[in-house]
Amino acid sequence: MRTTRQLLVAGFMLLAASPAYADVSGTYDMKFEDVSTNCTTQKLTYKPQPVSIKVRGNSLVVDIDLTPVLVGVPQKNGKVSAKSKPGNTMIGGMKGVFSLAGKIAPDGTAQLVMVGEYSTEQGKSLCTQSWNVTGTRTDTKPKK
């Protein structure tokens, strides 16, 4: 009996000490700042825009206009990590795979890095581009 009680107390303490999954779901007003590119002829330019981040069960979905949907797994402490499947870009004939990683603070401030890897329709690698993506949450947090 005593061992069972000790195990229950130890289990509860581990759960209480574990960092909780942060709720990063919401709409964010984001700015995209070009960081680097090795694209010589065509590169993508993003205007400031709202970005939707949703957590559904064990899936994180990031929706950026004119970009394939990025999907990942919710992480602890506001960390965000998602990647798209190859999809169309703003430039005809150019496919892209996009990845996004960074952190969203409890106050709703987002600091992320996005990387786009481009290829032709036939799969020939073209170039890579990256952006700092920053902004703040524009909607209110859901009530717990």
N, C-alpha and C. Protein backbone atom coordinates (compact mmCIF):
# COMPACT_ATOMS: atom_id res chain seq x y z
N MET A 1 0.82 -1.20 0.00
CA MET A 1 0.00 0.00 0.00
C MET A 1 0.87 1.26 0.00
N ARG A 2 1.89 1.20 0.84
CA ARG A 2 2.75 2.36 0.94
C ARG A 2 3.49 2.60 -0.38
N THR A 3 3.94 1.55 -1.06
CA THR A 3 4.64 1.67 -2.34
C THR A 3 3.73 2.27 -3.40
N THR A 4 2.47 1.85 -3.44
CA THR A 4 1.52 2.40 -4.39
C THR A 4 1.34 3.90 -4.17
N ARG A 5 1.21 4.30 -2.91
CA ARG A 5 1.05 5.73 -2.59
C ARG A 5 2.28 6.51 -3.02
N GLN A 6 3.48 5.96 -2.79
CA GLN A 6 4.71 6.64 -3.17
C GLN A 6 4.80 6.79 -4.69
N LEU A 7 4.39 5.74 -5.42
CA LEU A 7 4.40 5.82 -6.88
C LEU A 7 3.42 6.87 -7.38
N LEU A 8 2.25 6.94 -6.79
CA LEU A 8 1.26 7.95 -7.19
C LEU A 8 1.77 9.36 -6.94
N VAL A 9 2.38 9.57 -5.77
CA VAL A 9 2.93 10.89 -5.44
C VAL A 9 4.05 11.24 -6.41
N ALA A 10 4.95 10.29 -6.68
CA ALA A 10 6.06 10.54 -7.61
C ALA A 10 5.54 10.86 -9.01
N GLY A 11 4.53 10.11 -9.47
CA GLY A 11 3.94 10.36 -10.78
C GLY A 11 3.31 11.74 -10.86
N PHE A 12 2.59 12.14 -9.82
CA PHE A 12 1.97 13.46 -9.80
C PHE A 12 3.02 14.55 -9.84
N MET A 13 4.12 14.36 -9.10
CA MET A 13 5.18 15.37 -9.08
C MET A 13 5.84 15.50 -10.45
N LEU A 14 6.01 14.38 -11.15
CA LEU A 14 6.59 14.44 -12.50
C LEU A 14 5.67 15.19 -13.46
N LEU A 15 4.36 14.92 -13.38
CA LEU A 15 3.41 15.63 -14.24
C LEU A 15 3.40 17.11 -13.93
N ALA A 16 3.43 17.46 -12.66
CA ALA A 16 3.41 18.87 -12.27
C ALA A 16 4.68 19.58 -12.72
N ALA A 17 5.81 18.87 -12.74
CA ALA A 17 7.08 19.49 -13.10
C ALA A 17 7.29 19.54 -14.61
N SER A 18 6.56 18.76 -15.38
CA SER A 18 6.71 18.74 -16.83
C SER A 18 6.24 20.05 -17.43
N PRO A 19 7.00 20.61 -18.38
CA PRO A 19 6.53 21.83 -19.03
C PRO A 19 5.27 21.55 -19.83
N ALA A 20 4.33 22.44 -19.74
CA ALA A 20 3.04 22.27 -20.43
C ALA A 20 3.16 22.66 -21.89
N TYR A 21 2.28 22.08 -22.70
CA TYR A 21 2.21 22.48 -24.10
C TYR A 21 1.57 23.86 -24.15
N ALA A 22 2.24 24.79 -24.77
CA ALA A 22 1.72 26.14 -24.88
C ALA A 22 0.67 26.19 -25.98
N ASP A 23 -0.38 26.95 -25.75
CA ASP A 23 -1.41 27.10 -26.77
C ASP A 23 -1.01 28.26 -27.68
N VAL A 24 -0.46 27.93 -28.83
CA VAL A 24 -0.01 28.94 -29.78
C VAL A 24 -1.06 29.21 -30.86
N SER A 25 -2.22 28.55 -30.76
CA SER A 25 -3.28 28.74 -31.76
C SER A 25 -3.71 30.20 -31.79
N GLY A 26 -3.85 30.73 -33.01
CA GLY A 26 -4.32 32.09 -33.14
C GLY A 26 -3.93 32.71 -34.47
N THR A 27 -4.24 33.98 -34.60
CA THR A 27 -3.88 34.76 -35.79
C THR A 27 -2.81 35.76 -35.37
N TYR A 28 -1.76 35.84 -36.17
CA TYR A 28 -0.62 36.69 -35.87
C TYR A 28 -0.40 37.67 -37.03
N ASP A 29 -0.12 38.92 -36.70
CA ASP A 29 0.20 39.94 -37.70
C ASP A 29 1.72 39.87 -37.91
N MET A 30 2.14 39.27 -39.02
CA MET A 30 3.55 38.96 -39.24
C MET A 30 4.21 39.82 -40.30
N LYS A 31 5.50 40.08 -40.10
CA LYS A 31 6.34 40.76 -41.08
C LYS A 31 7.44 39.78 -41.49
N PHE A 32 7.79 39.79 -42.77
CA PHE A 32 8.79 38.90 -43.34
C PHE A 32 9.99 39.73 -43.77
N GLU A 33 11.13 39.50 -43.14
CA GLU A 33 12.35 40.23 -43.48
C GLU A 33 13.31 39.27 -44.18
N ASP A 34 13.70 39.61 -45.42
CA ASP A 34 14.67 38.78 -46.14
C ASP A 34 15.96 38.70 -45.35
N VAL A 35 16.48 37.47 -45.21
CA VAL A 35 17.75 37.28 -44.50
C VAL A 35 18.83 36.88 -45.49
N SER A 36 18.57 35.82 -46.26
CA SER A 36 19.58 35.40 -47.22
C SER A 36 18.93 34.66 -48.38
N THR A 37 19.63 34.64 -49.48
CA THR A 37 19.17 33.91 -50.66
C THR A 37 20.35 33.63 -51.57
N ASN A 38 20.27 32.51 -52.28
CA ASN A 38 21.23 32.27 -53.34
C ASN A 38 20.49 32.20 -54.68
N CYS A 39 19.26 32.75 -54.68
CA CYS A 39 18.47 32.83 -55.91
C CYS A 39 18.99 34.00 -56.74
N THR A 40 19.36 33.73 -57.97
CA THR A 40 19.95 34.79 -58.79
C THR A 40 18.94 35.52 -59.66
N THR A 41 17.88 34.84 -60.07
CA THR A 41 16.94 35.49 -60.98
C THR A 41 15.61 35.83 -60.31
N GLN A 42 15.01 34.88 -59.62
CA GLN A 42 13.70 35.13 -59.02
C GLN A 42 13.71 34.73 -57.56
N LYS A 43 13.17 35.60 -56.73
CA LYS A 43 13.01 35.27 -55.32
C LYS A 43 11.64 35.73 -54.87
N LEU A 44 11.13 35.09 -53.82
CA LEU A 44 9.81 35.43 -53.31
C LEU A 44 9.90 36.59 -52.34
N THR A 45 8.91 37.46 -52.40
CA THR A 45 8.81 38.58 -51.47
C THR A 45 7.47 38.49 -50.78
N TYR A 46 7.48 38.51 -49.47
CA TYR A 46 6.24 38.46 -48.68
C TYR A 46 5.96 39.83 -48.10
N LYS A 47 4.72 40.26 -48.24
CA LYS A 47 4.27 41.50 -47.60
C LYS A 47 3.80 41.17 -46.19
N PRO A 48 3.76 42.16 -45.29
CA PRO A 48 3.19 41.89 -43.97
C PRO A 48 1.77 41.34 -44.13
N GLN A 49 1.43 40.33 -43.34
CA GLN A 49 0.13 39.68 -43.50
C GLN A 49 -0.25 38.92 -42.24
N PRO A 50 -1.55 38.62 -42.11
CA PRO A 50 -1.97 37.75 -41.01
C PRO A 50 -1.59 36.30 -41.31
N VAL A 51 -1.10 35.61 -40.30
CA VAL A 51 -0.73 34.20 -40.40
C VAL A 51 -1.53 33.43 -39.36
N SER A 52 -2.14 32.34 -39.79
CA SER A 52 -2.95 31.51 -38.91
C SER A 52 -2.15 30.31 -38.42
N ILE A 53 -2.17 30.11 -37.10
CA ILE A 53 -1.54 28.92 -36.51
C ILE A 53 -2.63 28.21 -35.71
N LYS A 54 -2.81 26.92 -36.02
CA LYS A 54 -3.84 26.14 -35.34
C LYS A 54 -3.24 24.86 -34.79
N VAL A 55 -3.67 24.50 -33.59
CA VAL A 55 -3.30 23.22 -33.00
C VAL A 55 -4.56 22.39 -32.94
N ARG A 56 -4.51 21.26 -33.62
CA ARG A 56 -5.64 20.33 -33.64
C ARG A 56 -5.13 18.97 -33.19
N GLY A 57 -5.44 18.61 -31.96
CA GLY A 57 -4.96 17.34 -31.43
C GLY A 57 -3.46 17.33 -31.38
N ASN A 58 -2.84 16.41 -32.09
CA ASN A 58 -1.39 16.28 -32.10
C ASN A 58 -0.78 16.87 -33.37
N SER A 59 -1.45 17.87 -33.96
CA SER A 59 -0.99 18.46 -35.21
C SER A 59 -1.00 19.98 -35.13
N LEU A 60 0.06 20.59 -35.61
CA LEU A 60 0.19 22.04 -35.68
C LEU A 60 0.12 22.43 -37.15
N VAL A 61 -0.75 23.38 -37.51
CA VAL A 61 -0.93 23.78 -38.90
C VAL A 61 -0.69 25.29 -39.02
N VAL A 62 0.21 25.67 -39.93
CA VAL A 62 0.54 27.09 -40.16
C VAL A 62 0.11 27.44 -41.58
N ASP A 63 -0.74 28.48 -41.70
CA ASP A 63 -1.27 28.89 -42.99
C ASP A 63 -0.77 30.29 -43.33
N ILE A 64 0.09 30.36 -44.34
CA ILE A 64 0.64 31.62 -44.84
C ILE A 64 0.15 31.78 -46.27
N ASP A 65 -0.41 32.94 -46.59
CA ASP A 65 -0.96 33.18 -47.92
C ASP A 65 0.08 32.93 -49.00
N LEU A 66 -0.33 32.28 -50.09
CA LEU A 66 0.49 31.98 -51.26
C LEU A 66 1.66 31.05 -50.96
N THR A 67 1.52 30.21 -49.92
CA THR A 67 2.55 29.27 -49.52
C THR A 67 1.89 27.94 -49.19
N PRO A 68 2.50 26.81 -49.55
CA PRO A 68 1.91 25.53 -49.15
C PRO A 68 1.73 25.47 -47.62
N VAL A 69 0.69 24.81 -47.16
CA VAL A 69 0.41 24.70 -45.73
C VAL A 69 1.55 23.95 -45.04
N LEU A 70 1.99 24.50 -43.91
CA LEU A 70 3.07 23.88 -43.14
C LEU A 70 2.45 23.11 -41.98
N VAL A 71 2.95 21.89 -41.72
CA VAL A 71 2.40 21.04 -40.68
C VAL A 71 3.52 20.55 -39.79
N GLY A 72 3.23 20.49 -38.49
CA GLY A 72 4.20 19.99 -37.52
C GLY A 72 3.51 19.38 -36.33
N VAL A 73 4.26 19.18 -35.26
CA VAL A 73 3.74 18.64 -34.02
C VAL A 73 3.86 19.72 -32.96
N PRO A 74 2.80 19.96 -32.16
CA PRO A 74 2.90 20.97 -31.10
C PRO A 74 4.08 20.67 -30.17
N GLN A 75 4.80 21.69 -29.80
CA GLN A 75 5.97 21.53 -28.94
C GLN A 75 5.73 22.24 -27.62
N LYS A 76 6.60 22.00 -26.68
CA LYS A 76 6.47 22.58 -25.35
C LYS A 76 7.02 24.00 -25.32
N ASN A 77 6.54 24.79 -24.39
CA ASN A 77 7.06 26.14 -24.12
C ASN A 77 6.97 27.09 -25.29
N GLY A 78 5.95 26.95 -26.15
CA GLY A 78 5.73 27.89 -27.24
C GLY A 78 6.62 27.71 -28.45
N LYS A 79 7.38 26.63 -28.50
CA LYS A 79 8.23 26.39 -29.67
C LYS A 79 7.35 25.95 -30.84
N VAL A 80 7.71 26.43 -32.02
CA VAL A 80 6.97 26.11 -33.24
C VAL A 80 7.95 25.52 -34.25
N SER A 81 7.54 24.41 -34.87
CA SER A 81 8.34 23.79 -35.91
C SER A 81 7.38 23.11 -36.88
N ALA A 82 7.42 23.51 -38.16
CA ALA A 82 6.50 22.96 -39.15
C ALA A 82 7.18 22.96 -40.52
N LYS A 83 6.70 22.07 -41.39
CA LYS A 83 7.27 21.96 -42.73
C LYS A 83 6.16 21.65 -43.72
N SER A 84 6.31 22.14 -44.95
CA SER A 84 5.31 21.87 -45.99
C SER A 84 5.77 20.71 -46.86
N LYS A 85 4.83 20.18 -47.59
CA LYS A 85 5.15 19.26 -48.67
C LYS A 85 5.49 20.13 -49.89
N PRO A 86 6.13 19.59 -50.92
CA PRO A 86 6.40 20.40 -52.11
C PRO A 86 5.08 20.95 -52.69
N GLY A 87 5.08 22.24 -52.99
CA GLY A 87 3.88 22.85 -53.54
C GLY A 87 4.20 24.05 -54.40
N ASN A 88 3.18 24.60 -55.02
CA ASN A 88 3.36 25.75 -55.90
C ASN A 88 3.75 26.99 -55.10
N THR A 89 4.52 27.86 -55.74
CA THR A 89 4.90 29.13 -55.15
C THR A 89 4.21 30.26 -55.91
N MET A 90 4.54 31.49 -55.54
CA MET A 90 3.99 32.67 -56.20
C MET A 90 4.51 32.81 -57.63
N ILE A 91 5.61 32.12 -57.94
CA ILE A 91 6.24 32.22 -59.25
C ILE A 91 5.91 30.95 -60.04
N GLY A 92 5.27 31.12 -61.18
CA GLY A 92 4.88 29.99 -62.02
C GLY A 92 6.06 29.13 -62.41
N GLY A 93 5.87 27.81 -62.36
CA GLY A 93 6.91 26.88 -62.74
C GLY A 93 7.91 26.59 -61.65
N MET A 94 7.75 27.21 -60.49
CA MET A 94 8.69 27.00 -59.39
C MET A 94 7.95 26.37 -58.21
N LYS A 95 8.43 25.22 -57.76
CA LYS A 95 7.88 24.54 -56.58
C LYS A 95 8.71 24.92 -55.37
N GLY A 96 8.12 24.76 -54.19
CA GLY A 96 8.86 25.07 -52.98
C GLY A 96 8.49 24.17 -51.83
N VAL A 97 9.48 23.89 -50.98
CA VAL A 97 9.27 23.24 -49.70
C VAL A 97 9.67 24.27 -48.66
N PHE A 98 8.78 24.54 -47.72
CA PHE A 98 9.01 25.58 -46.72
C PHE A 98 9.07 24.97 -45.33
N SER A 99 9.96 25.49 -44.51
CA SER A 99 10.02 25.08 -43.12
C SER A 99 10.04 26.34 -42.25
N LEU A 100 9.47 26.20 -41.06
CA LEU A 100 9.32 27.34 -40.14
C LEU A 100 9.66 26.85 -38.75
N ALA A 101 10.48 27.60 -38.02
CA ALA A 101 10.84 27.22 -36.65
C ALA A 101 11.09 28.48 -35.83
N GLY A 102 10.84 28.36 -34.55
CA GLY A 102 11.08 29.47 -33.64
C GLY A 102 10.24 29.34 -32.40
N LYS A 103 9.92 30.49 -31.81
CA LYS A 103 9.21 30.49 -30.53
C LYS A 103 8.16 31.58 -30.49
N ILE A 104 7.07 31.26 -29.81
CA ILE A 104 6.03 32.24 -29.54
C ILE A 104 5.96 32.40 -28.03
N ALA A 105 6.21 33.62 -27.56
CA ALA A 105 6.23 33.91 -26.12
C ALA A 105 4.80 33.91 -25.56
N PRO A 106 4.67 33.74 -24.24
CA PRO A 106 3.34 33.76 -23.63
C PRO A 106 2.56 35.06 -23.88
N ASP A 107 3.27 36.16 -24.14
CA ASP A 107 2.58 37.43 -24.42
C ASP A 107 2.10 37.54 -25.86
N GLY A 108 2.36 36.49 -26.69
CA GLY A 108 1.90 36.49 -28.08
C GLY A 108 2.90 37.04 -29.07
N THR A 109 4.13 37.28 -28.66
CA THR A 109 5.17 37.76 -29.56
C THR A 109 5.83 36.56 -30.26
N ALA A 110 5.86 36.60 -31.58
CA ALA A 110 6.42 35.50 -32.36
C ALA A 110 7.75 35.89 -32.97
N GLN A 111 8.74 35.01 -32.84
CA GLN A 111 10.04 35.18 -33.49
C GLN A 111 10.39 33.86 -34.15
N LEU A 112 10.26 33.84 -35.48
CA LEU A 112 10.42 32.62 -36.25
C LEU A 112 11.38 32.83 -37.41
N VAL A 113 11.87 31.73 -37.95
CA VAL A 113 12.69 31.76 -39.16
C VAL A 113 12.02 30.82 -40.17
N MET A 114 11.85 31.29 -41.39
CA MET A 114 11.27 30.47 -42.44
C MET A 114 12.30 30.30 -43.56
N VAL A 115 12.38 29.07 -44.07
CA VAL A 115 13.30 28.75 -45.16
C VAL A 115 12.50 28.16 -46.30
N GLY A 116 12.76 28.63 -47.52
CA GLY A 116 12.14 28.08 -48.72
C GLY A 116 13.20 27.45 -49.60
N GLU A 117 12.97 26.19 -49.97
CA GLU A 117 13.88 25.49 -50.88
C GLU A 117 13.13 25.27 -52.18
N TYR A 118 13.63 25.86 -53.27
CA TYR A 118 12.91 25.88 -54.54
C TYR A 118 13.46 24.88 -55.54
N SER A 119 12.55 24.39 -56.38
CA SER A 119 12.92 23.47 -57.45
C SER A 119 12.01 23.72 -58.64
N THR A 120 12.40 23.15 -59.79
CA THR A 120 11.56 23.23 -60.98
C THR A 120 10.40 22.24 -60.85
N GLU A 121 9.47 22.32 -61.77
CA GLU A 121 8.35 21.38 -61.81
C GLU A 121 8.86 19.94 -61.92
N GLN A 122 10.01 19.75 -62.56
CA GLN A 122 10.57 18.42 -62.76
C GLN A 122 11.42 17.96 -61.57
N GLY A 123 11.61 18.83 -60.57
CA GLY A 123 12.35 18.45 -59.37
C GLY A 123 13.79 18.89 -59.31
N LYS A 124 14.27 19.62 -60.34
CA LYS A 124 15.65 20.10 -60.33
C LYS A 124 15.79 21.24 -59.32
N SER A 125 16.75 21.13 -58.42
CA SER A 125 16.97 22.13 -57.38
C SER A 125 17.36 23.47 -58.01
N LEU A 126 16.76 24.55 -57.50
CA LEU A 126 17.05 25.89 -58.01
C LEU A 126 17.85 26.73 -57.01
N CYS A 127 17.25 27.00 -55.85
CA CYS A 127 17.90 27.88 -54.89
C CYS A 127 17.18 27.82 -53.54
N THR A 128 17.72 28.56 -52.57
CA THR A 128 17.18 28.59 -51.21
C THR A 128 17.07 30.04 -50.75
N GLN A 129 16.06 30.31 -49.94
CA GLN A 129 15.84 31.66 -49.43
C GLN A 129 15.37 31.56 -47.98
N SER A 130 15.72 32.55 -47.15
CA SER A 130 15.26 32.54 -45.77
C SER A 130 14.79 33.92 -45.33
N TRP A 131 13.89 33.91 -44.32
CA TRP A 131 13.30 35.13 -43.78
C TRP A 131 13.24 35.05 -42.27
N ASN A 132 13.39 36.19 -41.61
CA ASN A 132 12.99 36.33 -40.21
C ASN A 132 11.51 36.69 -40.24
N VAL A 133 10.70 35.97 -39.48
CA VAL A 133 9.26 36.21 -39.45
C VAL A 133 8.92 36.61 -38.02
N THR A 134 8.48 37.86 -37.85
CA THR A 134 8.18 38.36 -36.51
C THR A 134 6.80 39.01 -36.50
N GLY A 135 6.20 39.01 -35.33
CA GLY A 135 4.90 39.64 -35.19
C GLY A 135 4.27 39.37 -33.85
N THR A 136 3.02 39.77 -33.75
CA THR A 136 2.29 39.60 -32.49
C THR A 136 0.91 39.01 -32.77
N ARG A 137 0.41 38.36 -31.78
CA ARG A 137 -0.92 37.77 -31.85
C ARG A 137 -1.96 38.88 -31.90
N THR A 138 -2.92 38.76 -32.83
CA THR A 138 -3.93 39.80 -32.98
C THR A 138 -5.27 39.42 -32.41
N ASP A 139 -5.51 38.12 -32.19
CA ASP A 139 -6.76 37.72 -31.58
C ASP A 139 -6.51 37.43 -30.09
N THR A 140 -7.57 37.26 -29.36
CA THR A 140 -7.40 36.99 -27.93
C THR A 140 -7.22 35.50 -27.70
N LYS A 141 -6.49 35.17 -26.65
CA LYS A 141 -6.26 33.77 -26.33
C LYS A 141 -7.55 33.11 -25.91
N PRO A 142 -7.73 31.84 -26.31
CA PRO A 142 -8.92 31.13 -25.86
C PRO A 142 -8.91 30.92 -24.36
N LYS A 143 -10.09 30.94 -23.77
CA LYS A 143 -10.19 30.73 -22.32
C LYS A 143 -9.98 29.27 -22.02
N LYS A 144 -9.32 29.02 -20.89
CA LYS A 144 -9.05 27.63 -20.49
C LYS A 144 -10.20 27.08 -19.67
